[in-house]
Amino acid sequence: MQSRRGGKLKKRKPSETSLARYDWSRARRGRWAGRLRTAKVVLLRPEIYELFGSDEAINEALAVVARLREVVVPRKRRARAA
Protein backbone atom coordinates (compact mmCIF):
# COMPACT_ATOMS: atom_id res chain seq x y z
CA MET A 1 0.00 0.00 0.00
CA GLN A 2 1.02 3.55 -0.53
CA SER A 3 0.16 6.63 1.43
CA ARG A 4 -1.48 9.70 -0.06
CA ARG A 5 1.93 11.27 -0.41
CA GLY A 6 3.21 8.37 -2.48
CA GLY A 7 5.44 6.75 0.16
CA LYS A 8 5.10 3.21 1.47
CA LEU A 9 3.02 2.63 4.61
CA LYS A 10 4.69 0.75 7.41
CA LYS A 11 2.70 -2.04 8.97
CA ARG A 12 1.93 -1.06 12.55
CA LYS A 13 2.68 -3.51 15.33
CA PRO A 14 -0.09 -4.07 17.86
CA SER A 15 0.55 -2.32 21.15
CA GLU A 16 1.87 -4.31 24.11
CA THR A 17 -1.51 -4.15 25.84
CA SER A 18 -3.43 -5.22 22.74
CA LEU A 19 -4.88 -8.72 22.64
CA ALA A 20 -4.29 -8.83 18.88
CA ARG A 21 -0.67 -9.81 19.46
CA TYR A 22 -1.68 -13.27 20.79
CA ASP A 23 -2.42 -16.34 18.69
CA TRP A 24 -5.95 -17.40 19.73
CA SER A 25 -6.25 -20.27 17.22
CA ARG A 26 -5.68 -22.98 19.85
CA ALA A 27 -7.45 -21.30 22.77
CA ARG A 28 -9.98 -23.33 24.76
CA ARG A 29 -12.83 -21.71 26.64
CA GLY A 30 -13.08 -22.51 30.37
CA ARG A 31 -9.85 -24.50 30.52
CA TRP A 32 -9.18 -23.68 34.19
CA ALA A 33 -12.80 -23.42 35.36
CA GLY A 34 -12.73 -26.85 37.02
CA ARG A 35 -9.88 -25.88 39.31
CA LEU A 36 -11.72 -22.84 40.58
CA ARG A 37 -14.60 -24.95 41.90
CA THR A 38 -12.48 -27.19 44.09
CA ALA A 39 -10.51 -24.91 46.40
CA LYS A 40 -11.95 -22.05 48.40
CA VAL A 41 -9.88 -19.91 50.74
CA VAL A 42 -11.31 -17.86 53.58
CA LEU A 43 -9.22 -15.36 55.51
CA LEU A 44 -9.94 -15.04 59.20
CA ARG A 45 -8.96 -12.30 61.55
CA PRO A 46 -6.09 -13.44 63.83
CA GLU A 47 -8.20 -13.04 67.00
CA ILE A 48 -10.87 -15.37 65.58
CA TYR A 49 -8.26 -18.00 64.73
CA GLU A 50 -6.83 -17.77 68.26
CA LEU A 51 -10.26 -18.52 69.74
CA PHE A 52 -10.38 -21.87 67.96
CA GLY A 53 -6.70 -22.74 67.75
CA SER A 54 -6.73 -24.91 64.62
CA ASP A 55 -8.25 -25.28 61.18
CA GLU A 56 -10.04 -28.46 62.21
CA ALA A 57 -11.73 -26.73 65.16
CA ILE A 58 -12.95 -23.92 62.92
CA ASN A 59 -14.31 -26.36 60.34
CA GLU A 60 -16.09 -28.36 63.04
CA ALA A 61 -17.71 -25.22 64.48
CA LEU A 62 -18.89 -24.16 61.03
CA ALA A 63 -20.31 -27.64 60.40
CA VAL A 64 -22.29 -27.40 63.66
CA VAL A 65 -23.66 -24.00 62.64
CA ALA A 66 -24.67 -25.40 59.24
CA ARG A 67 -26.51 -28.32 60.90
CA LEU A 68 -28.28 -25.95 63.31
CA ARG A 69 -29.56 -23.87 60.40
CA GLU A 70 -31.47 -26.94 59.19
CA VAL A 71 -33.03 -27.56 62.62
CA VAL A 72 -33.73 -24.12 64.03
CA VAL A 73 -36.56 -22.23 62.37
CA PRO A 74 -36.09 -18.46 62.42
CA ARG A 75 -38.82 -16.45 64.13
CA LYS A 76 -41.00 -14.26 61.99
CA ARG A 77 -40.37 -10.58 62.48
CA ARG A 78 -43.19 -8.42 63.65
CA ALA A 79 -43.97 -5.30 61.70
CA ARG A 80 -42.78 -2.16 63.46
CA ALA A 81 -45.35 0.37 64.46
CA ALA A 82 -44.76 3.66 62.73
PDB file of N, CA and C in Angstrom:
ATOM      1  N   MET A   1       0.829  -1.185   0.000  1.00  0.00           N
ATOM      2  CA  MET A   1       0.000   0.000   0.000  1.00  0.00           C
ATOM      3  C   MET A   1       0.869   1.242   0.000  1.00  0.00           C
ATOM      4  N   GLN A   2       0.305   2.282  -0.528  1.00  0.00           N
ATOM      5  CA  GLN A   2       1.018   3.546  -0.532  1.00  0.00           C
ATOM      6  C   GLN A   2       0.174   4.594   0.173  1.00  0.00           C
ATOM      7  N   SER A   3       0.862   5.535   0.774  1.00  0.00           N
ATOM      8  CA  SER A   3       0.156   6.626   1.429  1.00  0.00           C
ATOM      9  C   SER A   3      -0.297   7.641   0.409  1.00  0.00           C
ATOM     10  N   ARG A   4      -1.021   8.641   0.850  1.00  0.00           N
ATOM     11  CA  ARG A   4      -1.484   9.697  -0.062  1.00  0.00           C
ATOM     12  C   ARG A   4      -0.313  10.464  -0.666  1.00  0.00           C
ATOM     13  N   ARG A   5       0.759  10.519   0.056  1.00  0.00           N
ATOM     14  CA  ARG A   5       1.931  11.273  -0.414  1.00  0.00           C
ATOM     15  C   ARG A   5       2.799  10.432  -1.347  1.00  0.00           C
ATOM     16  N   GLY A   6       2.457   9.184  -1.553  1.00  0.00           N
ATOM     17  CA  GLY A   6       3.213   8.366  -2.485  1.00  0.00           C
ATOM     18  C   GLY A   6       4.229   7.444  -1.833  1.00  0.00           C
ATOM     19  N   GLY A   7       4.484   7.608  -0.529  1.00  0.00           N
ATOM     20  CA  GLY A   7       5.444   6.746   0.156  1.00  0.00           C
ATOM     21  C   GLY A   7       4.799   5.440   0.612  1.00  0.00           C
ATOM     22  N   LYS A   8       5.626   4.481   0.980  1.00  0.00           N
ATOM     23  CA  LYS A   8       5.098   3.212   1.468  1.00  0.00           C
ATOM     24  C   LYS A   8       4.616   3.363   2.909  1.00  0.00           C
ATOM     25  N   LEU A   9       3.531   2.645   3.239  1.00  0.00           N
ATOM     26  CA  LEU A   9       3.023   2.633   4.609  1.00  0.00           C
ATOM     27  C   LEU A   9       3.709   1.507   5.371  1.00  0.00           C
ATOM     28  N   LYS A  10       4.123   1.789   6.563  1.00  0.00           N
ATOM     29  CA  LYS A  10       4.692   0.748   7.408  1.00  0.00           C
ATOM     30  C   LYS A  10       3.563   0.031   8.129  1.00  0.00           C
ATOM     31  N   LYS A  11       3.698  -1.274   8.246  1.00  0.00           N
ATOM     32  CA  LYS A  11       2.699  -2.041   8.974  1.00  0.00           C
ATOM     33  C   LYS A  11       2.903  -1.794  10.471  1.00  0.00           C
ATOM     34  N   ARG A  12       1.837  -1.371  11.128  1.00  0.00           N
ATOM     35  CA  ARG A  12       1.930  -1.060  12.554  1.00  0.00           C
ATOM     36  C   ARG A  12       1.874  -2.330  13.378  1.00  0.00           C
ATOM     37  N   LYS A  13       2.717  -2.407  14.392  1.00  0.00           N
ATOM     38  CA  LYS A  13       2.678  -3.512  15.326  1.00  0.00           C
ATOM     39  C   LYS A  13       1.583  -3.247  16.346  1.00  0.00           C
ATOM     40  N   PRO A  14       0.898  -4.291  16.798  1.00  0.00           N
ATOM     41  CA  PRO A  14      -0.090  -4.075  17.860  1.00  0.00           C
ATOM     42  C   PRO A  14       0.614  -3.626  19.144  1.00  0.00           C
ATOM     43  N   SER A  15      -0.055  -2.806  19.912  1.00  0.00           N
ATOM     44  CA  SER A  15       0.547  -2.319  21.151  1.00  0.00           C
ATOM     45  C   SER A  15       0.736  -3.473  22.128  1.00  0.00           C
ATOM     46  N   GLU A  16       1.573  -3.270  23.123  1.00  0.00           N
ATOM     47  CA  GLU A  16       1.870  -4.315  24.109  1.00  0.00           C
ATOM     48  C   GLU A  16       0.644  -4.722  24.910  1.00  0.00           C
ATOM     49  N   THR A  17      -0.305  -3.819  25.077  1.00  0.00           N
ATOM     50  CA  THR A  17      -1.510  -4.148  25.845  1.00  0.00           C
ATOM     51  C   THR A  17      -2.616  -4.703  24.965  1.00  0.00           C
ATOM     52  N   SER A  18      -2.415  -4.743  23.663  1.00  0.00           N
ATOM     53  CA  SER A  18      -3.433  -5.220  22.739  1.00  0.00           C
ATOM     54  C   SER A  18      -3.503  -6.744  22.758  1.00  0.00           C
ATOM     55  N   LEU A  19      -4.709  -7.276  22.696  1.00  0.00           N
ATOM     56  CA  LEU A  19      -4.884  -8.725  22.643  1.00  0.00           C
ATOM     57  C   LEU A  19      -4.642  -9.278  21.244  1.00  0.00           C
ATOM     58  N   ALA A  20      -4.507  -8.401  20.262  1.00  0.00           N
ATOM     59  CA  ALA A  20      -4.293  -8.830  18.884  1.00  0.00           C
ATOM     60  C   ALA A  20      -2.924  -9.476  18.702  1.00  0.00           C
ATOM     61  N   ARG A  21      -2.011  -9.251  19.620  1.00  0.00           N
ATOM     62  CA  ARG A  21      -0.670  -9.808  19.460  1.00  0.00           C
ATOM     63  C   ARG A  21      -0.602 -11.291  19.824  1.00  0.00           C
ATOM     64  N   TYR A  22      -1.667 -11.859  20.402  1.00  0.00           N
ATOM     65  CA  TYR A  22      -1.685 -13.268  20.792  1.00  0.00           C
ATOM     66  C   TYR A  22      -2.299 -14.124  19.693  1.00  0.00           C
ATOM     67  N   ASP A  23      -1.853 -15.372  19.626  1.00  0.00           N
ATOM     68  CA  ASP A  23      -2.424 -16.336  18.690  1.00  0.00           C
ATOM     69  C   ASP A  23      -3.546 -17.079  19.421  1.00  0.00           C
ATOM     70  N   TRP A  24      -4.788 -16.821  19.049  1.00  0.00           N
ATOM     71  CA  TRP A  24      -5.948 -17.399  19.729  1.00  0.00           C
ATOM     72  C   TRP A  24      -6.469 -18.637  19.010  1.00  0.00           C
ATOM     73  N   SER A  25      -5.748 -19.159  18.018  1.00  0.00           N
ATOM     74  CA  SER A  25      -6.251 -20.268  17.215  1.00  0.00           C
ATOM     75  C   SER A  25      -6.405 -21.560  18.020  1.00  0.00           C
ATOM     76  N   ARG A  26      -5.605 -21.738  19.058  1.00  0.00           N
ATOM     77  CA  ARG A  26      -5.681 -22.978  19.851  1.00  0.00           C
ATOM     78  C   ARG A  26      -6.271 -22.747  21.239  1.00  0.00           C
ATOM     79  N   ALA A  27      -6.881 -21.617  21.455  1.00  0.00           N
ATOM     80  CA  ALA A  27      -7.449 -21.300  22.771  1.00  0.00           C
ATOM     81  C   ALA A  27      -8.650 -22.188  23.054  1.00  0.00           C
ATOM     82  N   ARG A  28      -8.816 -22.540  24.331  1.00  0.00           N
ATOM     83  CA  ARG A  28      -9.975 -23.329  24.760  1.00  0.00           C
ATOM     84  C   ARG A  28     -10.715 -22.547  25.837  1.00  0.00           C
ATOM     85  N   ARG A  29     -12.014 -22.450  25.710  1.00  0.00           N
ATOM     86  CA  ARG A  29     -12.833 -21.711  26.638  1.00  0.00           C
ATOM     87  C   ARG A  29     -13.016 -22.514  27.927  1.00  0.00           C
ATOM     88  N   GLY A  30     -12.824 -21.870  29.071  1.00  0.00           N
ATOM     89  CA  GLY A  30     -13.080 -22.507  30.367  1.00  0.00           C
ATOM     90  C   GLY A  30     -12.064 -23.566  30.752  1.00  0.00           C
ATOM     91  N   ARG A  31     -10.856 -23.472  30.270  1.00  0.00           N
ATOM     92  CA  ARG A  31      -9.851 -24.502  30.520  1.00  0.00           C
ATOM     93  C   ARG A  31      -9.560 -24.682  32.008  1.00  0.00           C
ATOM     94  N   TRP A  32      -9.522 -23.610  32.770  1.00  0.00           N
ATOM     95  CA  TRP A  32      -9.178 -23.675  34.191  1.00  0.00           C
ATOM     96  C   TRP A  32     -10.398 -23.589  35.101  1.00  0.00           C
ATOM     97  N   ALA A  33     -11.589 -23.599  34.559  1.00  0.00           N
ATOM     98  CA  ALA A  33     -12.799 -23.424  35.362  1.00  0.00           C
ATOM     99  C   ALA A  33     -12.969 -24.535  36.401  1.00  0.00           C
ATOM    100  N   GLY A  34     -12.596 -25.735  36.083  1.00  0.00           N
ATOM    101  CA  GLY A  34     -12.735 -26.846  37.025  1.00  0.00           C
ATOM    102  C   GLY A  34     -11.896 -26.679  38.277  1.00  0.00           C
ATOM    103  N   ARG A  35     -10.753 -26.091  38.155  1.00  0.00           N
ATOM    104  CA  ARG A  35      -9.884 -25.880  39.312  1.00  0.00           C
ATOM    105  C   ARG A  35     -10.461 -24.850  40.264  1.00  0.00           C
ATOM    106  N   LEU A  36     -11.176 -23.885  39.735  1.00  0.00           N
ATOM    107  CA  LEU A  36     -11.717 -22.837  40.583  1.00  0.00           C
ATOM    108  C   LEU A  36     -12.838 -23.351  41.482  1.00  0.00           C
ATOM    109  N   ARG A  37     -13.505 -24.410  41.090  1.00  0.00           N
ATOM    110  CA  ARG A  37     -14.601 -24.946  41.896  1.00  0.00           C
ATOM    111  C   ARG A  37     -14.120 -25.758  43.087  1.00  0.00           C
ATOM    112  N   THR A  38     -12.914 -26.258  43.055  1.00  0.00           N
ATOM    113  CA  THR A  38     -12.479 -27.194  44.087  1.00  0.00           C
ATOM    114  C   THR A  38     -11.956 -26.514  45.343  1.00  0.00           C
ATOM    115  N   ALA A  39     -11.157 -25.508  45.232  1.00  0.00           N
ATOM    116  CA  ALA A  39     -10.508 -24.913  46.400  1.00  0.00           C
ATOM    117  C   ALA A  39     -11.074 -23.533  46.696  1.00  0.00           C
ATOM    118  N   LYS A  40     -11.476 -23.355  47.946  1.00  0.00           N
ATOM    119  CA  LYS A  40     -11.946 -22.049  48.402  1.00  0.00           C
ATOM    120  C   LYS A  40     -11.086 -21.652  49.593  1.00  0.00           C
ATOM    121  N   VAL A  41     -10.716 -20.405  49.647  1.00  0.00           N
ATOM    122  CA  VAL A  41      -9.884 -19.906  50.735  1.00  0.00           C
ATOM    123  C   VAL A  41     -10.648 -18.798  51.446  1.00  0.00           C
ATOM    124  N   VAL A  42     -10.655 -18.880  52.768  1.00  0.00           N
ATOM    125  CA  VAL A  42     -11.313 -17.863  53.584  1.00  0.00           C
ATOM    126  C   VAL A  42     -10.271 -17.306  54.539  1.00  0.00           C
ATOM    127  N   LEU A  43     -10.164 -15.993  54.588  1.00  0.00           N
ATOM    128  CA  LEU A  43      -9.221 -15.359  55.510  1.00  0.00           C
ATOM    129  C   LEU A  43      -9.947 -14.967  56.786  1.00  0.00           C
ATOM    130  N   LEU A  44      -9.372 -15.364  57.900  1.00  0.00           N
ATOM    131  CA  LEU A  44      -9.942 -15.045  59.202  1.00  0.00           C
ATOM    132  C   LEU A  44      -9.084 -14.009  59.899  1.00  0.00           C
ATOM    133  N   ARG A  45      -9.724 -13.231  60.728  1.00  0.00           N
ATOM    134  CA  ARG A  45      -8.955 -12.304  61.554  1.00  0.00           C
ATOM    135  C   ARG A  45      -8.142 -13.131  62.554  1.00  0.00           C
ATOM    136  N   PRO A  46      -6.951 -12.673  62.913  1.00  0.00           N
ATOM    137  CA  PRO A  46      -6.095 -13.444  63.827  1.00  0.00           C
ATOM    138  C   PRO A  46      -6.767 -13.745  65.172  1.00  0.00           C
ATOM    139  N   GLU A  47      -7.553 -12.798  65.689  1.00  0.00           N
ATOM    140  CA  GLU A  47      -8.198 -13.039  66.996  1.00  0.00           C
ATOM    141  C   GLU A  47      -9.260 -14.138  66.909  1.00  0.00           C
ATOM    142  N   ILE A  48      -9.897 -14.286  65.758  1.00  0.00           N
ATOM    143  CA  ILE A  48     -10.870 -15.373  65.584  1.00  0.00           C
ATOM    144  C   ILE A  48     -10.137 -16.706  65.531  1.00  0.00           C
ATOM    145  N   TYR A  49      -9.035 -16.757  64.813  1.00  0.00           N
ATOM    146  CA  TYR A  49      -8.258 -18.000  64.728  1.00  0.00           C
ATOM    147  C   TYR A  49      -7.752 -18.415  66.107  1.00  0.00           C
ATOM    148  N   GLU A  50      -7.338 -17.450  66.915  1.00  0.00           N
ATOM    149  CA  GLU A  50      -6.831 -17.770  68.258  1.00  0.00           C
ATOM    150  C   GLU A  50      -7.911 -18.354  69.149  1.00  0.00           C
ATOM    151  N   LEU A  51      -9.164 -17.959  68.948  1.00  0.00           N
ATOM    152  CA  LEU A  51     -10.260 -18.516  69.738  1.00  0.00           C
ATOM    153  C   LEU A  51     -10.412 -20.016  69.509  1.00  0.00           C
ATOM    154  N   PHE A  52     -10.192 -20.467  68.290  1.00  0.00           N
ATOM    155  CA  PHE A  52     -10.377 -21.869  67.957  1.00  0.00           C
ATOM    156  C   PHE A  52      -9.085 -22.658  68.034  1.00  0.00           C
ATOM    157  N   GLY A  53      -7.992 -22.094  67.613  1.00  0.00           N
ATOM    158  CA  GLY A  53      -6.699 -22.745  67.752  1.00  0.00           C
ATOM    159  C   GLY A  53      -6.234 -23.601  66.588  1.00  0.00           C
ATOM    160  N   SER A  54      -7.159 -24.083  65.754  1.00  0.00           N
ATOM    161  CA  SER A  54      -6.731 -24.914  64.623  1.00  0.00           C
ATOM    162  C   SER A  54      -7.767 -24.844  63.509  1.00  0.00           C
ATOM    163  N   ASP A  55      -7.334 -25.259  62.323  1.00  0.00           N
ATOM    164  CA  ASP A  55      -8.252 -25.280  61.181  1.00  0.00           C
ATOM    165  C   ASP A  55      -9.378 -26.287  61.396  1.00  0.00           C
ATOM    166  N   GLU A  56      -9.037 -27.420  61.973  1.00  0.00           N
ATOM    167  CA  GLU A  56     -10.039 -28.457  62.208  1.00  0.00           C
ATOM    168  C   GLU A  56     -11.129 -27.971  63.152  1.00  0.00           C
ATOM    169  N   ALA A  57     -10.750 -27.246  64.201  1.00  0.00           N
ATOM    170  CA  ALA A  57     -11.729 -26.735  65.162  1.00  0.00           C
ATOM    171  C   ALA A  57     -12.667 -25.726  64.498  1.00  0.00           C
ATOM    172  N   ILE A  58     -12.127 -24.889  63.635  1.00  0.00           N
ATOM    173  CA  ILE A  58     -12.953 -23.916  62.923  1.00  0.00           C
ATOM    174  C   ILE A  58     -13.917 -24.629  61.991  1.00  0.00           C
ATOM    175  N   ASN A  59     -13.441 -25.615  61.258  1.00  0.00           N
ATOM    176  CA  ASN A  59     -14.311 -26.361  60.342  1.00  0.00           C
ATOM    177  C   ASN A  59     -15.407 -27.098  61.095  1.00  0.00           C
ATOM    178  N   GLU A  60     -15.082 -27.660  62.242  1.00  0.00           N
ATOM    179  CA  GLU A  60     -16.088 -28.357  63.043  1.00  0.00           C
ATOM    180  C   GLU A  60     -17.157 -27.387  63.543  1.00  0.00           C
ATOM    181  N   ALA A  61     -16.746 -26.212  64.004  1.00  0.00           N
ATOM    182  CA  ALA A  61     -17.706 -25.215  64.481  1.00  0.00           C
ATOM    183  C   ALA A  61     -18.620 -24.759  63.348  1.00  0.00           C
ATOM    184  N   LEU A  62     -18.070 -24.561  62.176  1.00  0.00           N
ATOM    185  CA  LEU A  62     -18.893 -24.159  61.033  1.00  0.00           C
ATOM    186  C   LEU A  62     -19.854 -25.267  60.608  1.00  0.00           C
ATOM    187  N   ALA A  63     -19.423 -26.517  60.720  1.00  0.00           N
ATOM    188  CA  ALA A  63     -20.306 -27.639  60.399  1.00  0.00           C
ATOM    189  C   ALA A  63     -21.478 -27.695  61.373  1.00  0.00           C
ATOM    190  N   VAL A  64     -21.221 -27.421  62.658  1.00  0.00           N
ATOM    191  CA  VAL A  64     -22.294 -27.401  63.661  1.00  0.00           C
ATOM    192  C   VAL A  64     -23.286 -26.290  63.350  1.00  0.00           C
ATOM    193  N   VAL A  65     -22.777 -25.116  62.987  1.00  0.00           N
ATOM    194  CA  VAL A  65     -23.660 -23.998  62.637  1.00  0.00           C
ATOM    195  C   VAL A  65     -24.508 -24.354  61.423  1.00  0.00           C
ATOM    196  N   ALA A  66     -23.921 -25.007  60.443  1.00  0.00           N
ATOM    197  CA  ALA A  66     -24.667 -25.400  59.242  1.00  0.00           C
ATOM    198  C   ALA A  66     -25.764 -26.407  59.589  1.00  0.00           C
ATOM    199  N   ARG A  67     -25.481 -27.352  60.483  1.00  0.00           N
ATOM    200  CA  ARG A  67     -26.509 -28.324  60.899  1.00  0.00           C
ATOM    201  C   ARG A  67     -27.614 -27.639  61.690  1.00  0.00           C
ATOM    202  N   LEU A  68     -27.267 -26.666  62.525  1.00  0.00           N
ATOM    203  CA  LEU A  68     -28.277 -25.946  63.308  1.00  0.00           C
ATOM    204  C   LEU A  68     -29.206 -25.137  62.405  1.00  0.00           C
ATOM    205  N   ARG A  69     -28.718 -24.627  61.326  1.00  0.00           N
ATOM    206  CA  ARG A  69     -29.562 -23.868  60.404  1.00  0.00           C
ATOM    207  C   ARG A  69     -30.688 -24.728  59.850  1.00  0.00           C
ATOM    208  N   GLU A  70     -30.445 -26.036  59.696  1.00  0.00           N
ATOM    209  CA  GLU A  70     -31.472 -26.937  59.188  1.00  0.00           C
ATOM    210  C   GLU A  70     -32.516 -27.243  60.249  1.00  0.00           C
ATOM    211  N   VAL A  71     -32.137 -27.179  61.531  1.00  0.00           N
ATOM    212  CA  VAL A  71     -33.027 -27.564  62.624  1.00  0.00           C
ATOM    213  C   VAL A  71     -33.796 -26.370  63.173  1.00  0.00           C
ATOM    214  N   VAL A  72     -33.118 -25.285  63.402  1.00  0.00           N
ATOM    215  CA  VAL A  72     -33.726 -24.117  64.030  1.00  0.00           C
ATOM    216  C   VAL A  72     -34.477 -23.306  62.979  1.00  0.00           C
ATOM    217  N   VAL A  73     -35.744 -23.028  63.278  1.00  0.00           N
ATOM    218  CA  VAL A  73     -36.563 -22.233  62.369  1.00  0.00           C
ATOM    219  C   VAL A  73     -36.513 -20.786  62.849  1.00  0.00           C
ATOM    220  N   PRO A  74     -36.158 -19.851  61.983  1.00  0.00           N
ATOM    221  CA  PRO A  74     -36.091 -18.459  62.423  1.00  0.00           C
ATOM    222  C   PRO A  74     -37.485 -17.920  62.745  1.00  0.00           C
ATOM    223  N   ARG A  75     -37.540 -17.046  63.763  1.00  0.00           N
ATOM    224  CA  ARG A  75     -38.818 -16.445  64.131  1.00  0.00           C
ATOM    225  C   ARG A  75     -39.211 -15.419  63.081  1.00  0.00           C
ATOM    226  N   LYS A  76     -40.520 -15.290  62.910  1.00  0.00           N
ATOM    227  CA  LYS A  76     -40.999 -14.260  61.993  1.00  0.00           C
ATOM    228  C   LYS A  76     -40.890 -12.922  62.680  1.00  0.00           C
ATOM    229  N   ARG A  77     -40.482 -11.926  61.930  1.00  0.00           N
ATOM    230  CA  ARG A  77     -40.372 -10.584  62.482  1.00  0.00           C
ATOM    231  C   ARG A  77     -41.733  -9.915  62.506  1.00  0.00           C
ATOM    232  N   ARG A  78     -41.955  -9.191  63.564  1.00  0.00           N
ATOM    233  CA  ARG A  78     -43.187  -8.421  63.649  1.00  0.00           C
ATOM    234  C   ARG A  78     -42.991  -7.104  62.931  1.00  0.00           C
ATOM    235  N   ALA A  79     -44.045  -6.602  62.368  1.00  0.00           N
ATOM    236  CA  ALA A  79     -43.967  -5.300  61.703  1.00  0.00           C
ATOM    237  C   ALA A  79     -43.828  -4.218  62.766  1.00  0.00           C
ATOM    238  N   ARG A  80     -42.989  -3.253  62.507  1.00  0.00           N
ATOM    239  CA  ARG A  80     -42.781  -2.160  63.456  1.00  0.00           C
ATOM    240  C   ARG A  80     -43.909  -1.154  63.328  1.00  0.00           C
ATOM    241  N   ALA A  81     -44.327  -0.669  64.463  1.00  0.00           N
ATOM    242  CA  ALA A  81     -45.345   0.372  64.464  1.00  0.00           C
ATOM    243  C   ALA A  81     -44.707   1.690  64.087  1.00  0.00           C
ATOM    244  N   ALA A  82     -45.346   2.383  63.184  1.00  0.00           N
ATOM    245  CA  ALA A  82     -44.763   3.661  62.734  1.00  0.00           C
ATOM    246  C   ALA A  82     -45.233   4.820  63.547  1.00  0.00           C
TER     247      ALA A  82
END
